[in-house]
Amino acid sequence: MNIRIEELAEQAEMAANKGDHVDVKIMMAKFAELIVRECIQVVDGMADPEEDSDRYVWALHNASEKIREHFGVEE
């Protein structure tokens, strides 16, 4: 498994830790949210406003916004 995915899984597990147990539903939701946020960061990091056309930068920004809206992830 990808190391970054393992790190995100560990973060999700820590967020769902309820002391004596881990709430699996919370853990799965947090893991999904972290993956979506990571994907948004990748898309946002692709544009170089200094070198890329305005249309390309707009398309990337629009893509990350659509991903955010689709999965209900707030900034």
PDB file of N, CA and C in Angstrom:
ATOM      1  N   MET A   1       0.845  -1.176   0.000  1.00  0.00           N
ATOM      2  CA  MET A   1       0.000   0.000   0.000  1.00  0.00           C
ATOM      3  C   MET A   1       0.889   1.238   0.000  1.00  0.00           C
ATOM      4  N   ASN A   2       0.426   2.275  -0.662  1.00  0.00           N
ATOM      5  CA  ASN A   2       1.113   3.542  -0.732  1.00  0.00           C
ATOM      6  C   ASN A   2       1.328   4.095   0.680  1.00  0.00           C
ATOM      7  N   ILE A   3       2.511   4.592   0.956  1.00  0.00           N
ATOM      8  CA  ILE A   3       2.835   5.115   2.283  1.00  0.00           C
ATOM      9  C   ILE A   3       1.905   6.258   2.663  1.00  0.00           C
ATOM     10  N   ARG A   4       1.582   7.121   1.716  1.00  0.00           N
ATOM     11  CA  ARG A   4       0.698   8.253   2.028  1.00  0.00           C
ATOM     12  C   ARG A   4      -0.683   7.755   2.438  1.00  0.00           C
ATOM     13  N   ILE A   5      -1.189   6.726   1.779  1.00  0.00           N
ATOM     14  CA  ILE A   5      -2.490   6.162   2.151  1.00  0.00           C
ATOM     15  C   ILE A   5      -2.420   5.582   3.562  1.00  0.00           C
ATOM     16  N   GLU A   6      -1.318   4.928   3.892  1.00  0.00           N
ATOM     17  CA  GLU A   6      -1.144   4.401   5.247  1.00  0.00           C
ATOM     18  C   GLU A   6      -1.150   5.530   6.271  1.00  0.00           C
ATOM     19  N   GLU A   7      -0.477   6.649   5.944  1.00  0.00           N
ATOM     20  CA  GLU A   7      -0.460   7.799   6.854  1.00  0.00           C
ATOM     21  C   GLU A   7      -1.866   8.362   7.053  1.00  0.00           C
ATOM     22  N   LEU A   8      -2.626   8.451   5.959  1.00  0.00           N
ATOM     23  CA  LEU A   8      -3.992   8.963   6.056  1.00  0.00           C
ATOM     24  C   LEU A   8      -4.866   8.016   6.880  1.00  0.00           C
ATOM     25  N   ALA A   9      -4.655   6.718   6.718  1.00  0.00           N
ATOM     26  CA  ALA A   9      -5.413   5.737   7.502  1.00  0.00           C
ATOM     27  C   ALA A   9      -5.106   5.886   8.990  1.00  0.00           C
ATOM     28  N   GLU A  10      -3.845   6.115   9.315  1.00  0.00           N
ATOM     29  CA  GLU A  10      -3.457   6.310  10.713  1.00  0.00           C
ATOM     30  C   GLU A  10      -4.084   7.581  11.280  1.00  0.00           C
ATOM     31  N   GLN A  11      -4.110   8.659  10.482  1.00  0.00           N
ATOM     32  CA  GLN A  11      -4.739   9.907  10.927  1.00  0.00           C
ATOM     33  C   GLN A  11      -6.232   9.693  11.181  1.00  0.00           C
ATOM     34  N   ALA A  12      -6.863   8.958  10.285  1.00  0.00           N
ATOM     35  CA  ALA A  12      -8.295   8.674  10.429  1.00  0.00           C
ATOM     36  C   ALA A  12      -8.551   7.850  11.685  1.00  0.00           C
ATOM     37  N   GLU A  13      -7.689   6.878  11.932  1.00  0.00           N
ATOM     38  CA  GLU A  13      -7.848   6.050  13.130  1.00  0.00           C
ATOM     39  C   GLU A  13      -7.700   6.885  14.394  1.00  0.00           C
ATOM     40  N   MET A  14      -6.724   7.791  14.405  1.00  0.00           N
ATOM     41  CA  MET A  14      -6.535   8.649  15.576  1.00  0.00           C
ATOM     42  C   MET A  14      -7.750   9.552  15.791  1.00  0.00           C
ATOM     43  N   ALA A  15      -8.331  10.056  14.706  1.00  0.00           N
ATOM     44  CA  ALA A  15      -9.500  10.939  14.809  1.00  0.00           C
ATOM     45  C   ALA A  15     -10.717  10.189  15.349  1.00  0.00           C
ATOM     46  N   ALA A  16     -10.754   8.877  15.128  1.00  0.00           N
ATOM     47  CA  ALA A  16     -11.904   8.069  15.538  1.00  0.00           C
ATOM     48  C   ALA A  16     -11.678   7.350  16.860  1.00  0.00           C
ATOM     49  N   ASN A  17     -10.528   7.571  17.473  1.00  0.00           N
ATOM     50  CA  ASN A  17     -10.197   6.899  18.728  1.00  0.00           C
ATOM     51  C   ASN A  17     -11.072   7.444  19.852  1.00  0.00           C
ATOM     52  N   LYS A  18     -11.804   6.566  20.473  1.00  0.00           N
ATOM     53  CA  LYS A  18     -12.706   6.946  21.574  1.00  0.00           C
ATOM     54  C   LYS A  18     -12.190   6.421  22.915  1.00  0.00           C
ATOM     55  N   GLY A  19     -10.878   6.341  23.042  1.00  0.00           N
ATOM     56  CA  GLY A  19     -10.277   5.874  24.291  1.00  0.00           C
ATOM     57  C   GLY A  19     -10.166   4.367  24.349  1.00  0.00           C
ATOM     58  N   ASP A  20     -11.287   3.702  24.585  1.00  0.00           N
ATOM     59  CA  ASP A  20     -11.261   2.247  24.704  1.00  0.00           C
ATOM     60  C   ASP A  20     -11.613   1.536  23.406  1.00  0.00           C
ATOM     61  N   HIS A  21     -11.993   2.286  22.373  1.00  0.00           N
ATOM     62  CA  HIS A  21     -12.307   1.676  21.079  1.00  0.00           C
ATOM     63  C   HIS A  21     -12.185   2.724  19.962  1.00  0.00           C
ATOM     64  N   VAL A  22     -12.195   2.225  18.750  1.00  0.00           N
ATOM     65  CA  VAL A  22     -12.169   3.092  17.575  1.00  0.00           C
ATOM     66  C   VAL A  22     -13.536   2.994  16.912  1.00  0.00           C
ATOM     67  N   ASP A  23     -14.166   4.148  16.694  1.00  0.00           N
ATOM     68  CA  ASP A  23     -15.461   4.191  16.029  1.00  0.00           C
ATOM     69  C   ASP A  23     -15.218   4.029  14.526  1.00  0.00           C
ATOM     70  N   VAL A  24     -15.547   2.845  14.010  1.00  0.00           N
ATOM     71  CA  VAL A  24     -15.244   2.506  12.617  1.00  0.00           C
ATOM     72  C   VAL A  24     -15.958   3.436  11.644  1.00  0.00           C
ATOM     73  N   LYS A  25     -17.185   3.802  11.943  1.00  0.00           N
ATOM     74  CA  LYS A  25     -17.932   4.689  11.052  1.00  0.00           C
ATOM     75  C   LYS A  25     -17.240   6.049  10.943  1.00  0.00           C
ATOM     76  N   ILE A  26     -16.819   6.594  12.068  1.00  0.00           N
ATOM     77  CA  ILE A  26     -16.092   7.871  12.067  1.00  0.00           C
ATOM     78  C   ILE A  26     -14.761   7.718  11.343  1.00  0.00           C
ATOM     79  N   MET A  27     -14.076   6.605  11.593  1.00  0.00           N
ATOM     80  CA  MET A  27     -12.781   6.373  10.962  1.00  0.00           C
ATOM     81  C   MET A  27     -12.905   6.317   9.436  1.00  0.00           C
ATOM     82  N   MET A  28     -13.900   5.615   8.943  1.00  0.00           N
ATOM     83  CA  MET A  28     -14.082   5.486   7.496  1.00  0.00           C
ATOM     84  C   MET A  28     -14.435   6.838   6.865  1.00  0.00           C
ATOM     85  N   ALA A  29     -15.292   7.597   7.537  1.00  0.00           N
ATOM     86  CA  ALA A  29     -15.666   8.916   7.022  1.00  0.00           C
ATOM     87  C   ALA A  29     -14.458   9.846   6.990  1.00  0.00           C
ATOM     88  N   LYS A  30     -13.658   9.816   8.042  1.00  0.00           N
ATOM     89  CA  LYS A  30     -12.468  10.670   8.107  1.00  0.00           C
ATOM     90  C   LYS A  30     -11.447  10.247   7.058  1.00  0.00           C
ATOM     91  N   PHE A  31     -11.276   8.951   6.869  1.00  0.00           N
ATOM     92  CA  PHE A  31     -10.335   8.445   5.870  1.00  0.00           C
ATOM     93  C   PHE A  31     -10.750   8.916   4.475  1.00  0.00           C
ATOM     94  N   ALA A  32     -12.029   8.805   4.160  1.00  0.00           N
ATOM     95  CA  ALA A  32     -12.530   9.262   2.861  1.00  0.00           C
ATOM     96  C   ALA A  32     -12.305  10.763   2.699  1.00  0.00           C
ATOM     97  N   GLU A  33     -12.598  11.526   3.745  1.00  0.00           N
ATOM     98  CA  GLU A  33     -12.401  12.979   3.686  1.00  0.00           C
ATOM     99  C   GLU A  33     -10.934  13.322   3.442  1.00  0.00           C
ATOM    100  N   LEU A  34     -10.040  12.640   4.133  1.00  0.00           N
ATOM    101  CA  LEU A  34      -8.611  12.908   3.972  1.00  0.00           C
ATOM    102  C   LEU A  34      -8.134  12.590   2.559  1.00  0.00           C
ATOM    103  N   ILE A  35      -8.640  11.508   1.980  1.00  0.00           N
ATOM    104  CA  ILE A  35      -8.264  11.152   0.605  1.00  0.00           C
ATOM    105  C   ILE A  35      -8.774  12.217  -0.364  1.00  0.00           C
ATOM    106  N   VAL A  36     -10.018  12.652  -0.191  1.00  0.00           N
ATOM    107  CA  VAL A  36     -10.571  13.687  -1.075  1.00  0.00           C
ATOM    108  C   VAL A  36      -9.761  14.970  -0.944  1.00  0.00           C
ATOM    109  N   ARG A  37      -9.438  15.369   0.277  1.00  0.00           N
ATOM    110  CA  ARG A  37      -8.635  16.580   0.477  1.00  0.00           C
ATOM    111  C   ARG A  37      -7.267  16.461  -0.206  1.00  0.00           C
ATOM    112  N   GLU A  38      -6.678  15.289  -0.127  1.00  0.00           N
ATOM    113  CA  GLU A  38      -5.382  15.058  -0.764  1.00  0.00           C
ATOM    114  C   GLU A  38      -5.505  15.198  -2.284  1.00  0.00           C
ATOM    115  N   CYS A  39      -6.570  14.664  -2.844  1.00  0.00           N
ATOM    116  CA  CYS A  39      -6.811  14.776  -4.291  1.00  0.00           C
ATOM    117  C   CYS A  39      -6.987  16.235  -4.696  1.00  0.00           C
ATOM    118  N   ILE A  40      -7.721  16.991  -3.900  1.00  0.00           N
ATOM    119  CA  ILE A  40      -7.914  18.412  -4.184  1.00  0.00           C
ATOM    120  C   ILE A  40      -6.574  19.142  -4.162  1.00  0.00           C
ATOM    121  N   GLN A  41      -5.721  18.814  -3.204  1.00  0.00           N
ATOM    122  CA  GLN A  41      -4.399  19.437  -3.127  1.00  0.00           C
ATOM    123  C   GLN A  41      -3.562  19.125  -4.363  1.00  0.00           C
ATOM    124  N   VAL A  42      -3.672  17.899  -4.844  1.00  0.00           N
ATOM    125  CA  VAL A  42      -2.922  17.518  -6.043  1.00  0.00           C
ATOM    126  C   VAL A  42      -3.390  18.356  -7.230  1.00  0.00           C
ATOM    127  N   VAL A  43      -4.705  18.452  -7.404  1.00  0.00           N
ATOM    128  CA  VAL A  43      -5.248  19.246  -8.519  1.00  0.00           C
ATOM    129  C   VAL A  43      -4.843  20.706  -8.358  1.00  0.00           C
ATOM    130  N   ASP A  44      -5.000  21.261  -7.162  1.00  0.00           N
ATOM    131  CA  ASP A  44      -4.639  22.656  -6.937  1.00  0.00           C
ATOM    132  C   ASP A  44      -3.153  22.915  -7.182  1.00  0.00           C
ATOM    133  N   GLY A  45      -2.321  21.942  -6.918  1.00  0.00           N
ATOM    134  CA  GLY A  45      -0.880  22.093  -7.093  1.00  0.00           C
ATOM    135  C   GLY A  45      -0.405  21.955  -8.536  1.00  0.00           C
ATOM    136  N   MET A  46      -1.293  21.598  -9.439  1.00  0.00           N
ATOM    137  CA  MET A  46      -0.908  21.394 -10.839  1.00  0.00           C
ATOM    138  C   MET A  46      -0.761  22.695 -11.609  1.00  0.00           C
ATOM    139  N   ALA A  47      -1.450  23.727 -11.203  1.00  0.00           N
ATOM    140  CA  ALA A  47      -1.449  24.982 -11.958  1.00  0.00           C
ATOM    141  C   ALA A  47      -0.303  25.884 -11.538  1.00  0.00           C
ATOM    142  N   ASP A  48       0.332  26.461 -12.517  1.00  0.00           N
ATOM    143  CA  ASP A  48       1.332  27.490 -12.281  1.00  0.00           C
ATOM    144  C   ASP A  48       0.813  28.747 -12.970  1.00  0.00           C
ATOM    145  N   PRO A  49       0.178  29.620 -12.188  1.00  0.00           N
ATOM    146  CA  PRO A  49      -0.443  30.805 -12.791  1.00  0.00           C
ATOM    147  C   PRO A  49       0.514  31.659 -13.616  1.00  0.00           C
ATOM    148  N   GLU A  50       1.792  31.575 -13.322  1.00  0.00           N
ATOM    149  CA  GLU A  50       2.773  32.380 -14.058  1.00  0.00           C
ATOM    150  C   GLU A  50       3.045  31.806 -15.443  1.00  0.00           C
ATOM    151  N   GLU A  51       2.911  30.494 -15.585  1.00  0.00           N
ATOM    152  CA  GLU A  51       3.252  29.850 -16.857  1.00  0.00           C
ATOM    153  C   GLU A  51       2.038  29.331 -17.621  1.00  0.00           C
ATOM    154  N   ASP A  52       0.974  28.974 -16.917  1.00  0.00           N
ATOM    155  CA  ASP A  52      -0.182  28.358 -17.554  1.00  0.00           C
ATOM    156  C   ASP A  52      -1.200  29.416 -17.982  1.00  0.00           C
ATOM    157  N   SER A  53      -1.981  29.071 -18.977  1.00  0.00           N
ATOM    158  CA  SER A  53      -3.001  29.994 -19.468  1.00  0.00           C
ATOM    159  C   SER A  53      -4.101  30.168 -18.421  1.00  0.00           C
ATOM    160  N   ASP A  54      -4.771  31.285 -18.506  1.00  0.00           N
ATOM    161  CA  ASP A  54      -5.872  31.554 -17.582  1.00  0.00           C
ATOM    162  C   ASP A  54      -6.937  30.465 -17.670  1.00  0.00           C
ATOM    163  N   ARG A  55      -7.194  29.983 -18.867  1.00  0.00           N
ATOM    164  CA  ARG A  55      -8.218  28.953 -19.082  1.00  0.00           C
ATOM    165  C   ARG A  55      -7.822  27.649 -18.371  1.00  0.00           C
ATOM    166  N   TYR A  56      -6.558  27.288 -18.437  1.00  0.00           N
ATOM    167  CA  TYR A  56      -6.057  26.071 -17.789  1.00  0.00           C
ATOM    168  C   TYR A  56      -6.160  26.204 -16.267  1.00  0.00           C
ATOM    169  N   VAL A  57      -5.734  27.348 -15.741  1.00  0.00           N
ATOM    170  CA  VAL A  57      -5.797  27.587 -14.300  1.00  0.00           C
ATOM    171  C   VAL A  57      -7.250  27.558 -13.844  1.00  0.00           C
ATOM    172  N   TRP A  58      -8.149  28.199 -14.610  1.00  0.00           N
ATOM    173  CA  TRP A  58      -9.572  28.193 -14.282  1.00  0.00           C
ATOM    174  C   TRP A  58     -10.111  26.768 -14.267  1.00  0.00           C
ATOM    175  N   ALA A  59      -9.718  25.957 -15.255  1.00  0.00           N
ATOM    176  CA  ALA A  59     -10.204  24.572 -15.338  1.00  0.00           C
ATOM    177  C   ALA A  59      -9.764  23.764 -14.120  1.00  0.00           C
ATOM    178  N   LEU A  60      -8.528  23.923 -13.699  1.00  0.00           N
ATOM    179  CA  LEU A  60      -8.045  23.202 -12.521  1.00  0.00           C
ATOM    180  C   LEU A  60      -8.766  23.673 -11.263  1.00  0.00           C
ATOM    181  N   HIS A  61      -8.937  24.978 -11.136  1.00  0.00           N
ATOM    182  CA  HIS A  61      -9.651  25.501  -9.973  1.00  0.00           C
ATOM    183  C   HIS A  61     -11.089  24.985  -9.971  1.00  0.00           C
ATOM    184  N   ASN A  62     -11.713  24.999 -11.120  1.00  0.00           N
ATOM    185  CA  ASN A  62     -13.083  24.513 -11.245  1.00  0.00           C
ATOM    186  C   ASN A  62     -13.160  23.025 -10.898  1.00  0.00           C
ATOM    187  N   ALA A  63     -12.181  22.249 -11.324  1.00  0.00           N
ATOM    188  CA  ALA A  63     -12.157  20.811 -11.029  1.00  0.00           C
ATOM    189  C   ALA A  63     -12.067  20.573  -9.529  1.00  0.00           C
ATOM    190  N   SER A  64     -11.191  21.286  -8.849  1.00  0.00           N
ATOM    191  CA  SER A  64     -11.064  21.073  -7.401  1.00  0.00           C
ATOM    192  C   SER A  64     -12.334  21.516  -6.674  1.00  0.00           C
ATOM    193  N   GLU A  65     -12.974  22.583  -7.143  1.00  0.00           N
ATOM    194  CA  GLU A  65     -14.235  23.018  -6.536  1.00  0.00           C
ATOM    195  C   GLU A  65     -15.329  21.973  -6.743  1.00  0.00           C
ATOM    196  N   LYS A  66     -15.397  21.387  -7.930  1.00  0.00           N
ATOM    197  CA  LYS A  66     -16.408  20.366  -8.216  1.00  0.00           C
ATOM    198  C   LYS A  66     -16.179  19.127  -7.357  1.00  0.00           C
ATOM    199  N   ILE A  67     -14.925  18.738  -7.165  1.00  0.00           N
ATOM    200  CA  ILE A  67     -14.605  17.596  -6.303  1.00  0.00           C
ATOM    201  C   ILE A  67     -15.048  17.907  -4.870  1.00  0.00           C
ATOM    202  N   ARG A  68     -14.714  19.107  -4.406  1.00  0.00           N
ATOM    203  CA  ARG A  68     -15.077  19.540  -3.055  1.00  0.00           C
ATOM    204  C   ARG A  68     -16.600  19.497  -2.879  1.00  0.00           C
ATOM    205  N   GLU A  69     -17.340  20.037  -3.841  1.00  0.00           N
ATOM    206  CA  GLU A  69     -18.803  20.045  -3.775  1.00  0.00           C
ATOM    207  C   GLU A  69     -19.374  18.628  -3.843  1.00  0.00           C
ATOM    208  N   HIS A  70     -18.849  17.814  -4.742  1.00  0.00           N
ATOM    209  CA  HIS A  70     -19.363  16.464  -4.947  1.00  0.00           C
ATOM    210  C   HIS A  70     -19.275  15.629  -3.677  1.00  0.00           C
ATOM    211  N   PHE A  71     -18.164  15.771  -2.949  1.00  0.00           N
ATOM    212  CA  PHE A  71     -17.960  14.980  -1.743  1.00  0.00           C
ATOM    213  C   PHE A  71     -18.340  15.731  -0.467  1.00  0.00           C
ATOM    214  N   GLY A  72     -18.756  16.985  -0.605  1.00  0.00           N
ATOM    215  CA  GLY A  72     -19.185  17.751   0.563  1.00  0.00           C
ATOM    216  C   GLY A  72     -18.057  18.074   1.511  1.00  0.00           C
ATOM    217  N   VAL A  73     -16.885  18.319   0.967  1.00  0.00           N
ATOM    218  CA  VAL A  73     -15.711  18.654   1.787  1.00  0.00           C
ATOM    219  C   VAL A  73     -15.544  20.166   1.796  1.00  0.00           C
ATOM    220  N   GLU A  74     -15.566  20.752   2.978  1.00  0.00           N
ATOM    221  CA  GLU A  74     -15.390  22.199   3.098  1.00  0.00           C
ATOM    222  C   GLU A  74     -13.928  22.537   3.169  1.00  0.00           C
ATOM    223  N   GLU A  75     -13.619  23.783   2.813  1.00  0.00           N
ATOM    224  CA  GLU A  75     -12.215  24.226   2.802  1.00  0.00           C
ATOM    225  C   GLU A  75     -11.654  24.350   4.174  1.00  0.00           C
TER     226      GLU A  75
END
